[in-house]
Amino acid sequence: MIADINQILLERLRQQGVNTEEAPALLRDLSKILESNPGIDPVAASSKLQLLGWNGVTLDYQSLQLALAWMEFENKEGGPK
């Protein structure tokens, strides 16, 4: 299940212009944003990512929900890999 969520999330990020090599760093930054504010909306999360240098990345609701689900599974399994 986590592999499915991760694959879908990575595909959505690729469609938004994030290349495969950048995705782990983006997810790490996004994880930090979501940990500090789990109820953040996609626009605010995108703004915070842009402040971190992720220009051009705009999260939609579905991508944010996938990221939250991915984080939940990662945390249950002992943290990000």
N, C-alpha and C. Protein backbone atom coordinates (compact mmCIF):
# COMPACT_ATOMS: atom_id res chain seq x y z
N MET A 1 0.82 -1.20 0.00
CA MET A 1 0.00 0.00 0.00
C MET A 1 0.86 1.26 0.00
N ILE A 2 1.90 1.28 0.86
CA ILE A 2 2.76 2.47 0.90
C ILE A 2 3.45 2.67 -0.45
N ALA A 3 3.81 1.58 -1.12
CA ALA A 3 4.45 1.71 -2.43
C ALA A 3 3.49 2.33 -3.44
N ASP A 4 2.22 1.97 -3.36
CA ASP A 4 1.22 2.55 -4.25
C ASP A 4 1.06 4.04 -4.01
N ILE A 5 0.94 4.42 -2.74
CA ILE A 5 0.80 5.84 -2.39
C ILE A 5 2.02 6.61 -2.85
N ASN A 6 3.19 6.05 -2.57
CA ASN A 6 4.43 6.72 -2.96
C ASN A 6 4.52 6.88 -4.47
N GLN A 7 4.16 5.84 -5.22
CA GLN A 7 4.22 5.90 -6.68
C GLN A 7 3.26 6.95 -7.24
N ILE A 8 2.05 6.97 -6.71
CA ILE A 8 1.06 7.95 -7.18
C ILE A 8 1.53 9.37 -6.85
N LEU A 9 2.04 9.56 -5.65
CA LEU A 9 2.54 10.88 -5.24
C LEU A 9 3.69 11.31 -6.14
N LEU A 10 4.63 10.42 -6.38
CA LEU A 10 5.77 10.76 -7.24
C LEU A 10 5.32 11.10 -8.66
N GLU A 11 4.33 10.37 -9.16
CA GLU A 11 3.81 10.66 -10.50
C GLU A 11 3.15 12.04 -10.55
N ARG A 12 2.39 12.36 -9.52
CA ARG A 12 1.75 13.69 -9.48
C ARG A 12 2.81 14.78 -9.42
N LEU A 13 3.87 14.57 -8.65
CA LEU A 13 4.94 15.56 -8.56
C LEU A 13 5.66 15.69 -9.90
N ARG A 14 5.87 14.57 -10.58
CA ARG A 14 6.50 14.62 -11.91
C ARG A 14 5.66 15.44 -12.88
N GLN A 15 4.33 15.27 -12.79
CA GLN A 15 3.44 16.03 -13.67
C GLN A 15 3.52 17.53 -13.39
N GLN A 16 3.96 17.87 -12.17
CA GLN A 16 4.10 19.28 -11.81
C GLN A 16 5.52 19.80 -12.06
N GLY A 17 6.35 18.97 -12.68
CA GLY A 17 7.68 19.43 -13.06
C GLY A 17 8.80 19.05 -12.12
N VAL A 18 8.53 18.24 -11.11
CA VAL A 18 9.58 17.81 -10.19
C VAL A 18 10.23 16.56 -10.78
N ASN A 19 11.55 16.58 -10.97
CA ASN A 19 12.18 15.39 -11.54
C ASN A 19 12.44 14.35 -10.46
N THR A 20 12.68 13.14 -10.88
CA THR A 20 12.81 11.99 -9.99
C THR A 20 13.93 12.20 -8.97
N GLU A 21 15.01 12.82 -9.37
CA GLU A 21 16.15 13.02 -8.47
C GLU A 21 15.83 14.04 -7.37
N GLU A 22 14.97 15.01 -7.68
CA GLU A 22 14.61 16.05 -6.72
C GLU A 22 13.52 15.62 -5.75
N ALA A 23 12.73 14.62 -6.12
CA ALA A 23 11.54 14.24 -5.34
C ALA A 23 11.85 13.92 -3.88
N PRO A 24 12.90 13.14 -3.55
CA PRO A 24 13.15 12.86 -2.13
C PRO A 24 13.41 14.13 -1.30
N ALA A 25 14.13 15.08 -1.86
CA ALA A 25 14.40 16.33 -1.13
C ALA A 25 13.12 17.14 -0.95
N LEU A 26 12.29 17.16 -1.99
CA LEU A 26 11.02 17.87 -1.89
C LEU A 26 10.14 17.23 -0.82
N LEU A 27 10.06 15.90 -0.82
CA LEU A 27 9.24 15.21 0.17
C LEU A 27 9.77 15.42 1.58
N ARG A 28 11.08 15.50 1.73
CA ARG A 28 11.68 15.78 3.04
C ARG A 28 11.27 17.17 3.52
N ASP A 29 11.35 18.16 2.64
CA ASP A 29 10.94 19.52 3.01
C ASP A 29 9.45 19.58 3.30
N LEU A 30 8.66 18.91 2.46
CA LEU A 30 7.22 18.90 2.67
C LEU A 30 6.87 18.21 3.99
N SER A 31 7.58 17.15 4.32
CA SER A 31 7.34 16.45 5.58
C SER A 31 7.54 17.38 6.77
N LYS A 32 8.59 18.18 6.71
CA LYS A 32 8.84 19.13 7.80
C LYS A 32 7.73 20.15 7.92
N ILE A 33 7.23 20.62 6.78
CA ILE A 33 6.13 21.59 6.77
C ILE A 33 4.88 20.96 7.38
N LEU A 34 4.57 19.74 6.96
CA LEU A 34 3.36 19.06 7.43
C LEU A 34 3.46 18.66 8.90
N GLU A 35 4.65 18.31 9.36
CA GLU A 35 4.83 17.98 10.77
C GLU A 35 4.56 19.18 11.65
N SER A 36 4.97 20.35 11.20
CA SER A 36 4.78 21.56 12.00
C SER A 36 3.36 22.10 11.89
N ASN A 37 2.64 21.74 10.82
CA ASN A 37 1.29 22.23 10.63
C ASN A 37 0.47 21.22 9.82
N PRO A 38 -0.01 20.14 10.46
CA PRO A 38 -0.70 19.08 9.74
C PRO A 38 -1.98 19.53 9.04
N GLY A 39 -2.60 20.61 9.48
CA GLY A 39 -3.85 21.07 8.89
C GLY A 39 -3.66 22.12 7.82
N ILE A 40 -2.43 22.30 7.36
CA ILE A 40 -2.13 23.35 6.38
C ILE A 40 -2.87 23.07 5.07
N ASP A 41 -3.28 24.15 4.41
CA ASP A 41 -3.97 23.98 3.12
C ASP A 41 -2.93 23.96 2.00
N PRO A 42 -3.31 23.46 0.83
CA PRO A 42 -2.36 23.32 -0.28
C PRO A 42 -1.68 24.62 -0.70
N VAL A 43 -2.43 25.72 -0.68
CA VAL A 43 -1.86 27.01 -1.09
C VAL A 43 -0.76 27.43 -0.11
N ALA A 44 -1.02 27.31 1.18
CA ALA A 44 -0.03 27.69 2.19
C ALA A 44 1.18 26.76 2.14
N ALA A 45 0.94 25.47 1.94
CA ALA A 45 2.05 24.52 1.85
C ALA A 45 2.91 24.84 0.62
N SER A 46 2.28 25.16 -0.48
CA SER A 46 3.01 25.53 -1.70
C SER A 46 3.84 26.79 -1.46
N SER A 47 3.27 27.76 -0.77
CA SER A 47 4.00 29.00 -0.47
C SER A 47 5.23 28.72 0.37
N LYS A 48 5.07 27.85 1.37
CA LYS A 48 6.21 27.50 2.22
C LYS A 48 7.29 26.77 1.42
N LEU A 49 6.87 25.89 0.52
CA LEU A 49 7.84 25.20 -0.34
C LEU A 49 8.58 26.20 -1.22
N GLN A 50 7.86 27.20 -1.74
CA GLN A 50 8.51 28.21 -2.57
C GLN A 50 9.51 29.03 -1.78
N LEU A 51 9.21 29.28 -0.50
CA LEU A 51 10.17 29.98 0.36
C LEU A 51 11.44 29.17 0.55
N LEU A 52 11.31 27.84 0.46
CA LEU A 52 12.46 26.95 0.59
C LEU A 52 13.19 26.73 -0.73
N GLY A 53 12.72 27.42 -1.79
CA GLY A 53 13.39 27.33 -3.08
C GLY A 53 12.73 26.42 -4.09
N TRP A 54 11.57 25.86 -3.75
CA TRP A 54 10.86 24.99 -4.68
C TRP A 54 9.94 25.82 -5.57
N ASN A 55 10.54 26.67 -6.38
CA ASN A 55 9.78 27.54 -7.28
C ASN A 55 9.11 26.70 -8.35
N GLY A 56 7.87 27.03 -8.63
CA GLY A 56 7.14 26.32 -9.65
C GLY A 56 6.38 25.11 -9.15
N VAL A 57 6.59 24.71 -7.88
CA VAL A 57 5.85 23.58 -7.32
C VAL A 57 4.59 24.13 -6.67
N THR A 58 3.46 23.70 -7.18
CA THR A 58 2.17 24.10 -6.61
C THR A 58 1.40 22.83 -6.29
N LEU A 59 1.23 22.59 -5.00
CA LEU A 59 0.50 21.40 -4.57
C LEU A 59 -0.99 21.60 -4.71
N ASP A 60 -1.67 20.57 -5.16
CA ASP A 60 -3.11 20.59 -5.15
C ASP A 60 -3.59 19.76 -3.95
N TYR A 61 -4.88 19.75 -3.75
CA TYR A 61 -5.45 19.05 -2.59
C TYR A 61 -5.08 17.57 -2.60
N GLN A 62 -5.19 16.92 -3.76
CA GLN A 62 -4.91 15.50 -3.85
C GLN A 62 -3.45 15.18 -3.53
N SER A 63 -2.54 15.99 -4.04
CA SER A 63 -1.11 15.77 -3.76
C SER A 63 -0.82 15.93 -2.28
N LEU A 64 -1.44 16.92 -1.67
CA LEU A 64 -1.22 17.14 -0.24
C LEU A 64 -1.77 15.97 0.57
N GLN A 65 -2.93 15.45 0.20
CA GLN A 65 -3.51 14.30 0.91
C GLN A 65 -2.64 13.05 0.72
N LEU A 66 -2.11 12.87 -0.47
CA LEU A 66 -1.20 11.75 -0.71
C LEU A 66 0.05 11.88 0.14
N ALA A 67 0.59 13.10 0.23
CA ALA A 67 1.78 13.32 1.05
C ALA A 67 1.50 13.03 2.52
N LEU A 68 0.33 13.44 3.00
CA LEU A 68 -0.04 13.16 4.39
C LEU A 68 -0.16 11.65 4.62
N ALA A 69 -0.78 10.94 3.68
CA ALA A 69 -0.91 9.48 3.81
C ALA A 69 0.46 8.81 3.77
N TRP A 70 1.31 9.26 2.88
CA TRP A 70 2.67 8.72 2.77
C TRP A 70 3.42 8.93 4.08
N MET A 71 3.31 10.14 4.64
CA MET A 71 3.99 10.42 5.91
C MET A 71 3.47 9.53 7.03
N GLU A 72 2.17 9.32 7.07
CA GLU A 72 1.58 8.49 8.11
C GLU A 72 2.14 7.07 8.05
N PHE A 73 2.22 6.50 6.85
CA PHE A 73 2.78 5.16 6.70
C PHE A 73 4.27 5.14 7.04
N GLU A 74 5.00 6.15 6.59
CA GLU A 74 6.43 6.21 6.87
C GLU A 74 6.68 6.29 8.38
N ASN A 75 5.91 7.09 9.08
CA ASN A 75 6.07 7.23 10.52
C ASN A 75 5.75 5.93 11.25
N LYS A 76 4.76 5.18 10.78
CA LYS A 76 4.41 3.90 11.39
C LYS A 76 5.52 2.88 11.19
N GLU A 77 6.26 3.02 10.10
CA GLU A 77 7.32 2.05 9.78
C GLU A 77 8.67 2.50 10.30
N GLY A 78 8.71 3.55 11.09
CA GLY A 78 9.98 3.94 11.70
C GLY A 78 10.68 5.12 11.10
N GLY A 79 9.96 5.90 10.32
CA GLY A 79 10.55 7.13 9.80
C GLY A 79 10.86 7.05 8.33
N PRO A 80 11.14 8.22 7.74
CA PRO A 80 11.44 8.29 6.31
C PRO A 80 12.65 7.46 5.94
N LYS A 81 12.62 6.92 4.75
CA LYS A 81 13.71 6.07 4.27
C LYS A 81 14.51 6.79 3.23
